[in-house]
């Protein structure tokens, strides 16, 4: 997963098809948005963060698929 600051997109790839869930949390653990929760074929995808009206600060992203669960923090700058 990679975040591109200029476009406010989260880019990710899937090696195998399956259900993908991507959730955004405040640093205190409160869920802010569910960015994705659907079946995806293997391939390259992106999720848009620009329409969430996030303030500058640190956030958590949780990515879940059939083969991986990963939580990472990032710093969002407007």
Protein backbone atom coordinates (compact mmCIF):
# COMPACT_ATOMS: atom_id res chain seq x y z
CA UNK A 1 0.00 0.00 0.00
CA UNK A 2 1.22 3.47 -0.78
CA UNK A 3 -0.31 6.88 -0.19
CA UNK A 4 0.24 9.59 -2.74
CA UNK A 5 -0.08 12.92 -0.95
CA UNK A 6 -0.70 15.19 -3.93
CA UNK A 7 -3.74 13.27 -5.13
CA UNK A 8 -4.82 11.89 -1.72
CA UNK A 9 -5.14 8.33 -3.03
CA UNK A 10 -4.31 5.03 -1.40
CA UNK A 11 -2.97 2.62 -4.00
CA UNK A 12 -2.94 -1.14 -3.47
CA UNK A 13 -2.69 -4.36 -5.43
CA UNK A 14 -4.23 -7.78 -5.01
CA UNK A 15 -2.47 -10.97 -6.04
CA UNK A 16 -5.68 -13.01 -5.77
CA UNK A 17 -9.38 -12.13 -5.98
CA UNK A 18 -11.46 -11.76 -2.82
CA UNK A 19 -13.31 -9.47 -0.45
CA UNK A 20 -11.36 -6.29 0.38
CA UNK A 21 -12.09 -4.04 3.33
CA UNK A 22 -10.22 -0.77 3.84
CA UNK A 23 -11.13 1.32 6.88
CA UNK A 24 -9.79 4.69 8.04
CA UNK A 25 -9.43 5.43 11.77
CA UNK A 26 -8.41 8.37 13.90
CA UNK A 27 -5.25 7.83 15.91
CA UNK A 28 -7.49 7.24 18.96
CA UNK A 29 -9.14 4.29 17.19
CA UNK A 30 -12.48 5.79 16.10
CA UNK A 31 -13.56 4.63 12.64
CA UNK A 32 -13.87 7.64 10.32
CA UNK A 33 -14.73 5.94 7.04
CA UNK A 34 -15.08 2.61 5.30
CA UNK A 35 -13.26 3.22 2.02
CA UNK A 36 -13.84 -0.20 0.47
CA UNK A 37 -15.88 -3.27 1.32
CA UNK A 38 -16.43 -5.36 -1.78
CA UNK A 39 -15.23 -8.22 -3.93
CA UNK A 40 -12.24 -7.34 -6.13
CA UNK A 41 -10.47 -9.31 -8.84
CA UNK A 42 -6.68 -9.56 -8.73
CA UNK A 43 -5.10 -6.31 -9.96
CA UNK A 44 -4.21 -2.71 -9.14
CA UNK A 45 -6.66 -0.40 -7.34
CA UNK A 46 -6.84 2.95 -5.58
CA UNK A 47 -9.08 4.45 -2.91
CA UNK A 48 -9.71 8.19 -2.85
CA UNK A 49 -9.09 10.03 0.44
CA UNK A 50 -9.65 13.51 -1.00
CA UNK A 51 -13.41 13.62 -0.51
CA UNK A 52 -13.23 12.82 3.23
CA UNK A 53 -12.37 16.37 4.33
CA UNK A 54 -9.61 15.14 6.65
CA UNK A 55 -7.65 17.59 8.73
CA UNK A 56 -3.89 17.49 8.92
CA UNK A 57 -2.84 14.78 11.36
CA UNK A 58 -2.01 11.16 11.96
CA UNK A 59 -4.46 8.41 10.95
CA UNK A 60 -4.64 4.62 10.76
CA UNK A 61 -5.61 2.54 7.75
CA UNK A 62 -6.68 -1.08 8.19
CA UNK A 63 -6.53 -3.24 5.07
CA UNK A 64 -8.16 -6.69 5.08
CA UNK A 65 -8.30 -9.28 2.34
CA UNK A 66 -8.60 -13.05 2.30
CA UNK A 67 -4.82 -13.38 2.59
CA UNK A 68 -3.74 -10.30 4.59
CA UNK A 69 -4.72 -8.04 7.46
CA UNK A 70 -2.51 -5.00 7.91
CA UNK A 71 -2.84 -1.79 9.91
CA UNK A 72 -0.53 1.11 9.23
CA UNK A 73 -0.33 4.72 10.33
CA UNK A 74 0.22 7.71 8.09
CA UNK A 75 0.41 11.46 8.38
CA UNK A 76 -2.10 13.34 6.23
CA UNK A 77 -1.25 16.88 5.13
CA UNK A 78 -3.77 19.08 3.44
